[in-house]
Amino acid sequence: MNNTPETDELVRSLTYEQLASTEKCYSDLRGELERERALADRLADCLNNLWQHHSLTEVSYDYIDNALDAWKEVRGE
């Protein structure tokens, strides 16, 4: 979060318990995001493997290619 007068005031108004709870929620969300990214990476690796090493129909290639493109877009690649 960027520091602004509003965010600075918000942080000053929070109690220690509220700050700790907010940090725990943030940490939990960050952990969940990391697990989701790891799963997406594993799925992308699987699709890549299928794409490169198996005989598939043209429809399957298109599906895998589109899925990989979507994954790359979400990952910012």
Protein backbone atom coordinates (compact mmCIF):
# COMPACT_ATOMS: atom_id res chain seq x y z
CA MET A 1 0.00 0.00 0.00
CA ASN A 2 1.31 3.45 -0.82
CA ASN A 3 1.65 5.88 2.03
CA THR A 4 -0.76 8.76 1.85
CA PRO A 5 -2.09 11.03 4.58
CA GLU A 6 -5.25 8.92 4.60
CA THR A 7 -3.41 5.60 4.98
CA ASP A 8 -1.10 7.08 7.60
CA GLU A 9 -4.14 8.23 9.59
CA LEU A 10 -5.77 4.82 9.23
CA VAL A 11 -2.68 3.05 10.54
CA ARG A 12 -2.41 5.46 13.47
CA SER A 13 -6.06 4.81 14.37
CA LEU A 14 -5.71 1.01 14.51
CA THR A 15 -5.00 -0.80 17.75
CA TYR A 16 -2.16 -3.29 18.05
CA GLU A 17 -4.68 -6.16 17.89
CA GLN A 18 -6.25 -4.74 14.72
CA LEU A 19 -2.82 -4.33 13.10
CA ALA A 20 -1.83 -7.88 14.06
CA SER A 21 -5.12 -9.24 12.72
CA THR A 22 -4.71 -7.28 9.48
CA GLU A 23 -1.16 -8.56 9.04
CA LYS A 24 -2.28 -12.14 9.70
CA CYS A 25 -5.05 -11.83 7.07
CA TYR A 26 -2.57 -10.35 4.61
CA SER A 27 -0.10 -13.13 5.33
CA ASP A 28 -2.81 -15.79 4.88
CA LEU A 29 -3.90 -14.26 1.58
CA ARG A 30 -0.30 -14.05 0.39
CA GLY A 31 0.18 -17.73 1.26
CA GLU A 32 -3.00 -18.69 -0.57
CA LEU A 33 -1.90 -16.70 -3.62
CA GLU A 34 1.51 -18.40 -3.59
CA ARG A 35 -0.16 -21.84 -3.44
CA GLU A 36 -2.48 -20.92 -6.32
CA ARG A 37 0.47 -19.69 -8.38
CA ALA A 38 2.39 -22.88 -7.65
CA LEU A 39 -0.59 -24.92 -8.81
CA ALA A 40 -0.92 -22.81 -11.96
CA ASP A 41 2.78 -23.29 -12.65
CA ARG A 42 2.42 -27.07 -12.29
CA LEU A 43 -0.58 -27.10 -14.62
CA ALA A 44 1.28 -24.97 -17.16
CA ASP A 45 4.24 -27.35 -17.01
CA CYS A 46 1.89 -30.26 -17.63
CA LEU A 47 0.28 -28.50 -20.59
CA ASN A 48 3.70 -27.62 -21.95
CA ASN A 49 4.74 -31.26 -21.66
CA LEU A 50 1.63 -32.38 -23.51
CA TRP A 51 2.21 -29.73 -26.15
CA GLN A 52 5.81 -30.76 -26.79
CA HIS A 53 5.83 -34.53 -26.37
CA HIS A 54 2.50 -36.08 -27.32
CA SER A 55 0.48 -36.63 -30.46
CA LEU A 56 -2.71 -34.66 -30.02
CA THR A 57 -5.45 -33.46 -32.32
CA GLU A 58 -5.31 -29.90 -33.66
CA VAL A 59 -8.19 -28.98 -31.33
CA SER A 60 -6.15 -30.18 -28.36
CA TYR A 61 -3.16 -28.12 -29.49
CA ASP A 62 -5.36 -25.03 -29.81
CA TYR A 63 -6.84 -25.64 -26.36
CA ILE A 64 -3.43 -26.07 -24.75
CA ASP A 65 -2.00 -23.08 -26.60
CA ASN A 66 -4.90 -20.89 -25.46
CA ALA A 67 -4.58 -22.12 -21.88
CA LEU A 68 -0.85 -21.39 -21.84
CA ASP A 69 -1.41 -17.93 -23.33
CA ALA A 70 -4.00 -17.18 -20.63
CA TRP A 71 -1.62 -18.42 -17.92
CA LYS A 72 1.21 -16.25 -19.28
CA GLU A 73 -1.06 -13.21 -19.39
CA VAL A 74 -2.10 -13.66 -15.78
CA ARG A 75 1.52 -14.21 -14.72
CA GLY A 76 2.58 -11.08 -16.63
CA GLU A 77 4.88 -12.95 -18.98
